[in-house]
Amino acid sequence: MPNTRKNKDFNPYGCPVTHCMNKIGGKWKILILYAIYKNCDRLSKLQKALPVISKQMLINQLRELEEDHLLERIVYEESRLRVEYKLTPLGLTLMPIIKVMNDWGAIDMKKPE
């Protein structure tokens, strides 16, 4: 299947921030990474943790994260096929960044309007 991501290689100035956002930008990827980090390691668990994302969008985002080496898809060929996701070592390096984003969001949500 050809890659149809619009921004995957858009980085005209070689900017590291743009590179990072090409990998994890968008509405769902950071939430998916964080959910997998918190042991939502199967498609059904991810759907429960992120109920507003469509199944097809979730699958597409998982594929992109796997293609970018941030996630690993593990297939267990048991009596019933089982698939789990886990963060790769590269994916794990994003967790301190996501934690800082979480902390900032918590503070910002508490400030009076």
N, C-alpha and C. Protein backbone atom coordinates (compact mmCIF):
# COMPACT_ATOMS: atom_id res chain seq x y z
N MET A 1 0.85 -1.17 0.00
CA MET A 1 0.00 0.00 0.00
C MET A 1 0.90 1.24 0.00
N PRO A 2 0.72 2.15 -0.97
CA PRO A 2 1.58 3.34 -1.01
C PRO A 2 1.29 4.27 0.15
N ASN A 3 2.32 4.99 0.55
CA ASN A 3 2.17 5.93 1.66
C ASN A 3 1.40 7.16 1.17
N THR A 4 0.33 7.50 1.88
CA THR A 4 -0.48 8.64 1.48
C THR A 4 -0.43 9.77 2.50
N ARG A 5 0.49 9.71 3.44
CA ARG A 5 0.61 10.78 4.42
C ARG A 5 1.07 12.06 3.75
N LYS A 6 0.34 13.12 4.01
CA LYS A 6 0.65 14.40 3.36
C LYS A 6 1.96 15.00 3.86
N ASN A 7 2.23 14.93 5.15
CA ASN A 7 3.35 15.67 5.74
C ASN A 7 4.56 14.80 6.06
N LYS A 8 4.56 13.54 5.71
CA LYS A 8 5.62 12.64 6.15
C LYS A 8 7.02 13.19 5.86
N ASP A 9 7.23 13.70 4.67
CA ASP A 9 8.56 14.16 4.30
C ASP A 9 8.66 15.67 4.12
N PHE A 10 7.66 16.41 4.56
CA PHE A 10 7.70 17.87 4.42
C PHE A 10 8.60 18.47 5.48
N ASN A 11 9.74 18.93 5.07
CA ASN A 11 10.69 19.58 5.98
C ASN A 11 11.70 20.37 5.15
N PRO A 12 11.23 21.45 4.51
CA PRO A 12 12.09 22.16 3.56
C PRO A 12 13.34 22.78 4.18
N TYR A 13 13.33 23.03 5.48
CA TYR A 13 14.49 23.67 6.10
C TYR A 13 15.28 22.73 7.00
N GLY A 14 14.95 21.44 6.97
CA GLY A 14 15.68 20.48 7.79
C GLY A 14 15.52 20.73 9.28
N CYS A 15 14.33 21.19 9.69
CA CYS A 15 14.07 21.56 11.09
C CYS A 15 13.75 20.32 11.92
N PRO A 16 14.44 20.11 13.05
CA PRO A 16 14.14 18.97 13.91
C PRO A 16 12.72 18.98 14.48
N VAL A 17 12.18 20.16 14.77
CA VAL A 17 10.81 20.24 15.30
C VAL A 17 9.82 19.79 14.24
N THR A 18 10.01 20.24 13.02
CA THR A 18 9.15 19.81 11.92
C THR A 18 9.24 18.31 11.73
N HIS A 19 10.44 17.77 11.80
CA HIS A 19 10.64 16.32 11.68
C HIS A 19 9.84 15.58 12.75
N CYS A 20 9.94 16.05 13.98
CA CYS A 20 9.22 15.43 15.09
C CYS A 20 7.71 15.51 14.86
N MET A 21 7.22 16.67 14.48
CA MET A 21 5.78 16.84 14.26
C MET A 21 5.29 16.00 13.09
N ASN A 22 6.13 15.76 12.09
CA ASN A 22 5.76 14.87 11.00
C ASN A 22 5.54 13.45 11.50
N LYS A 23 6.23 13.07 12.55
CA LYS A 23 6.10 11.71 13.11
C LYS A 23 4.94 11.60 14.09
N ILE A 24 4.75 12.60 14.96
CA ILE A 24 3.77 12.44 16.05
C ILE A 24 2.67 13.49 16.03
N GLY A 25 2.67 14.36 15.02
CA GLY A 25 1.66 15.41 14.95
C GLY A 25 0.29 14.85 14.63
N GLY A 26 -0.69 15.70 14.74
CA GLY A 26 -2.06 15.29 14.46
C GLY A 26 -2.83 15.09 15.74
N LYS A 27 -4.06 14.70 15.56
CA LYS A 27 -4.99 14.62 16.68
C LYS A 27 -4.79 13.39 17.57
N TRP A 28 -4.30 12.29 17.01
CA TRP A 28 -4.37 11.02 17.73
C TRP A 28 -3.05 10.39 18.14
N LYS A 29 -1.98 10.65 17.44
CA LYS A 29 -0.76 9.85 17.65
C LYS A 29 -0.20 9.93 19.06
N ILE A 30 -0.14 11.11 19.62
CA ILE A 30 0.40 11.23 20.99
C ILE A 30 -0.51 10.49 21.96
N LEU A 31 -1.82 10.59 21.76
CA LEU A 31 -2.76 9.89 22.65
C LEU A 31 -2.62 8.38 22.52
N ILE A 32 -2.41 7.90 21.31
CA ILE A 32 -2.21 6.46 21.09
C ILE A 32 -0.92 6.00 21.76
N LEU A 33 0.16 6.74 21.55
CA LEU A 33 1.44 6.38 22.18
C LEU A 33 1.31 6.34 23.70
N TYR A 34 0.65 7.35 24.26
CA TYR A 34 0.50 7.40 25.71
C TYR A 34 -0.38 6.26 26.22
N ALA A 35 -1.44 5.94 25.49
CA ALA A 35 -2.31 4.83 25.89
C ALA A 35 -1.55 3.50 25.86
N ILE A 36 -0.74 3.30 24.84
CA ILE A 36 0.04 2.06 24.77
C ILE A 36 1.05 2.02 25.91
N TYR A 37 1.65 3.14 26.21
CA TYR A 37 2.57 3.23 27.34
C TYR A 37 1.88 2.84 28.65
N LYS A 38 0.59 3.20 28.75
CA LYS A 38 -0.20 2.89 29.95
C LYS A 38 -0.90 1.52 29.85
N ASN A 39 -0.36 0.63 29.02
CA ASN A 39 -0.80 -0.76 28.89
C ASN A 39 -2.10 -0.99 28.13
N CYS A 40 -2.52 -0.06 27.33
CA CYS A 40 -3.61 -0.31 26.37
C CYS A 40 -2.93 -0.87 25.12
N ASP A 41 -2.60 -2.15 25.18
CA ASP A 41 -1.71 -2.72 24.17
C ASP A 41 -2.42 -3.50 23.06
N ARG A 42 -3.75 -3.53 23.10
CA ARG A 42 -4.51 -4.24 22.07
C ARG A 42 -5.51 -3.29 21.45
N LEU A 43 -5.92 -3.61 20.23
CA LEU A 43 -6.84 -2.74 19.50
C LEU A 43 -8.11 -2.48 20.31
N SER A 44 -8.66 -3.51 20.91
CA SER A 44 -9.91 -3.34 21.68
C SER A 44 -9.71 -2.42 22.88
N LYS A 45 -8.57 -2.52 23.54
CA LYS A 45 -8.28 -1.63 24.68
C LYS A 45 -8.10 -0.19 24.21
N LEU A 46 -7.45 -0.02 23.07
CA LEU A 46 -7.26 1.33 22.53
C LEU A 46 -8.59 1.95 22.14
N GLN A 47 -9.49 1.15 21.57
CA GLN A 47 -10.80 1.66 21.21
C GLN A 47 -11.59 2.10 22.44
N LYS A 48 -11.45 1.38 23.54
CA LYS A 48 -12.12 1.78 24.78
C LYS A 48 -11.49 3.03 25.38
N ALA A 49 -10.17 3.13 25.29
CA ALA A 49 -9.47 4.29 25.85
C ALA A 49 -9.71 5.56 25.02
N LEU A 50 -9.92 5.38 23.72
CA LEU A 50 -10.12 6.51 22.80
C LEU A 50 -11.41 6.28 22.01
N PRO A 51 -12.56 6.35 22.67
CA PRO A 51 -13.81 5.95 22.02
C PRO A 51 -14.26 6.84 20.86
N VAL A 52 -13.74 8.04 20.74
CA VAL A 52 -14.20 8.91 19.66
C VAL A 52 -13.43 8.73 18.34
N ILE A 53 -12.36 7.97 18.36
CA ILE A 53 -11.61 7.70 17.13
C ILE A 53 -12.27 6.52 16.42
N SER A 54 -12.40 6.63 15.11
CA SER A 54 -12.98 5.51 14.35
C SER A 54 -11.97 4.36 14.30
N LYS A 55 -12.47 3.17 14.13
CA LYS A 55 -11.60 2.00 14.07
C LYS A 55 -10.61 2.13 12.92
N GLN A 56 -11.08 2.59 11.76
CA GLN A 56 -10.20 2.72 10.60
C GLN A 56 -9.11 3.77 10.84
N MET A 57 -9.46 4.88 11.45
CA MET A 57 -8.47 5.91 11.76
C MET A 57 -7.44 5.37 12.74
N LEU A 58 -7.90 4.65 13.75
CA LEU A 58 -6.99 4.06 14.73
C LEU A 58 -6.02 3.10 14.04
N ILE A 59 -6.54 2.26 13.18
CA ILE A 59 -5.68 1.31 12.46
C ILE A 59 -4.67 2.05 11.59
N ASN A 60 -5.12 3.09 10.90
CA ASN A 60 -4.21 3.87 10.05
C ASN A 60 -3.10 4.52 10.88
N GLN A 61 -3.47 5.08 12.02
CA GLN A 61 -2.48 5.75 12.88
C GLN A 61 -1.49 4.73 13.45
N LEU A 62 -1.99 3.57 13.84
CA LEU A 62 -1.10 2.51 14.35
C LEU A 62 -0.10 2.09 13.27
N ARG A 63 -0.57 1.95 12.04
CA ARG A 63 0.32 1.58 10.93
C ARG A 63 1.40 2.63 10.71
N GLU A 64 1.01 3.90 10.76
CA GLU A 64 1.99 4.97 10.58
C GLU A 64 3.02 4.99 11.70
N LEU A 65 2.56 4.81 12.92
CA LEU A 65 3.48 4.78 14.06
C LEU A 65 4.43 3.59 13.96
N GLU A 66 3.92 2.47 13.47
CA GLU A 66 4.77 1.30 13.27
C GLU A 66 5.78 1.57 12.14
N GLU A 67 5.32 2.18 11.06
CA GLU A 67 6.19 2.51 9.93
C GLU A 67 7.31 3.46 10.36
N ASP A 68 7.01 4.34 11.30
CA ASP A 68 8.00 5.30 11.80
C ASP A 68 8.84 4.74 12.95
N HIS A 69 8.68 3.45 13.23
CA HIS A 69 9.48 2.74 14.23
C HIS A 69 9.25 3.24 15.66
N LEU A 70 8.05 3.76 15.91
CA LEU A 70 7.70 4.19 17.26
C LEU A 70 6.92 3.11 18.00
N LEU A 71 6.28 2.24 17.24
CA LEU A 71 5.52 1.12 17.79
C LEU A 71 5.99 -0.17 17.15
N GLU A 72 5.81 -1.23 17.91
CA GLU A 72 6.04 -2.57 17.37
C GLU A 72 4.73 -3.34 17.46
N ARG A 73 4.36 -3.98 16.38
CA ARG A 73 3.15 -4.81 16.32
C ARG A 73 3.59 -6.25 16.50
N ILE A 74 3.06 -6.90 17.53
CA ILE A 74 3.43 -8.28 17.84
C ILE A 74 2.22 -9.17 17.60
N VAL A 75 2.40 -10.17 16.74
CA VAL A 75 1.32 -11.09 16.41
C VAL A 75 1.59 -12.41 17.11
N TYR A 76 0.61 -12.85 17.91
CA TYR A 76 0.67 -14.14 18.59
C TYR A 76 -0.27 -15.09 17.85
N GLU A 77 0.29 -16.12 17.26
CA GLU A 77 -0.53 -17.07 16.52
C GLU A 77 -0.95 -18.19 17.46
N GLU A 78 -1.98 -17.91 18.21
CA GLU A 78 -2.54 -18.88 19.14
C GLU A 78 -3.78 -19.49 18.50
N SER A 79 -4.61 -20.16 19.27
CA SER A 79 -5.83 -20.72 18.71
C SER A 79 -6.67 -19.62 18.06
N ARG A 80 -6.60 -18.43 18.65
CA ARG A 80 -7.24 -17.26 18.07
C ARG A 80 -6.15 -16.19 17.94
N LEU A 81 -5.98 -15.67 16.75
CA LEU A 81 -4.92 -14.68 16.50
C LEU A 81 -5.03 -13.51 17.46
N ARG A 82 -3.90 -13.13 18.06
CA ARG A 82 -3.87 -12.02 19.01
C ARG A 82 -2.76 -11.06 18.59
N VAL A 83 -3.08 -9.78 18.58
CA VAL A 83 -2.12 -8.75 18.19
C VAL A 83 -1.98 -7.77 19.34
N GLU A 84 -0.75 -7.46 19.69
CA GLU A 84 -0.46 -6.47 20.72
C GLU A 84 0.50 -5.44 20.15
N TYR A 85 0.48 -4.27 20.78
CA TYR A 85 1.38 -3.19 20.39
C TYR A 85 2.24 -2.82 21.58
N LYS A 86 3.48 -2.47 21.30
CA LYS A 86 4.35 -1.96 22.37
C LYS A 86 5.23 -0.88 21.78
N LEU A 87 5.66 0.01 22.63
CA LEU A 87 6.56 1.07 22.20
C LEU A 87 7.93 0.49 21.92
N THR A 88 8.54 0.96 20.87
CA THR A 88 9.92 0.60 20.58
C THR A 88 10.83 1.44 21.49
N PRO A 89 12.11 1.14 21.53
CA PRO A 89 13.02 2.01 22.29
C PRO A 89 12.93 3.47 21.82
N LEU A 90 12.79 3.69 20.51
CA LEU A 90 12.63 5.05 20.01
C LEU A 90 11.32 5.67 20.50
N GLY A 91 10.25 4.89 20.49
CA GLY A 91 8.96 5.38 21.00
C GLY A 91 9.03 5.73 22.47
N LEU A 92 9.75 4.94 23.23
CA LEU A 92 9.89 5.22 24.66
C LEU A 92 10.60 6.55 24.93
N THR A 93 11.46 6.99 24.01
CA THR A 93 12.15 8.27 24.22
C THR A 93 11.18 9.44 24.15
N LEU A 94 9.98 9.24 23.64
CA LEU A 94 8.97 10.31 23.59
C LEU A 94 8.23 10.48 24.92
N MET A 95 8.29 9.51 25.80
CA MET A 95 7.49 9.57 27.02
C MET A 95 7.84 10.75 27.92
N PRO A 96 9.11 11.12 28.11
CA PRO A 96 9.37 12.33 28.91
C PRO A 96 8.75 13.59 28.30
N ILE A 97 8.74 13.67 26.98
CA ILE A 97 8.14 14.82 26.30
C ILE A 97 6.63 14.83 26.54
N ILE A 98 6.01 13.67 26.39
CA ILE A 98 4.56 13.56 26.58
C ILE A 98 4.20 13.85 28.04
N LYS A 99 5.04 13.44 28.98
CA LYS A 99 4.78 13.73 30.39
C LYS A 99 4.82 15.24 30.64
N VAL A 100 5.78 15.93 30.06
CA VAL A 100 5.86 17.38 30.21
C VAL A 100 4.61 18.03 29.61
N MET A 101 4.16 17.53 28.47
CA MET A 101 2.93 18.06 27.86
C MET A 101 1.73 17.82 28.77
N ASN A 102 1.68 16.65 29.39
CA ASN A 102 0.60 16.32 30.33
C ASN A 102 0.63 17.28 31.53
N ASP A 103 1.80 17.48 32.08
CA ASP A 103 1.93 18.37 33.24
C ASP A 103 1.53 19.81 32.88
N TRP A 104 1.98 20.28 31.71
CA TRP A 104 1.63 21.63 31.27
C TRP A 104 0.11 21.74 31.09
N GLY A 105 -0.48 20.75 30.45
CA GLY A 105 -1.93 20.78 30.22
C GLY A 105 -2.71 20.80 31.53
N ALA A 106 -2.27 20.02 32.51
CA ALA A 106 -2.94 19.99 33.80
C ALA A 106 -2.89 21.36 34.47
N ILE A 107 -1.75 22.02 34.41
CA ILE A 107 -1.61 23.35 34.99
C ILE A 107 -2.49 24.35 34.24
N ASP A 108 -2.45 24.32 32.94
CA ASP A 108 -3.21 25.28 32.13
C ASP A 108 -4.72 25.08 32.30
N MET A 109 -5.16 23.87 32.49
CA MET A 109 -6.58 23.60 32.66
C MET A 109 -7.10 24.15 33.99
N LYS A 110 -6.22 24.30 34.98
CA LYS A 110 -6.63 24.77 36.30
C LYS A 110 -6.67 26.29 36.43
N LYS A 111 -6.02 27.00 35.51
CA LYS A 111 -5.97 28.46 35.67
C LYS A 111 -7.33 29.07 35.36
N PRO A 112 -7.69 30.11 36.09
CA PRO A 112 -8.99 30.74 35.87
C PRO A 112 -9.04 31.47 34.53
N GLU A 113 -10.20 31.49 33.94
CA GLU A 113 -10.39 32.16 32.63
C GLU A 113 -10.46 33.65 32.82
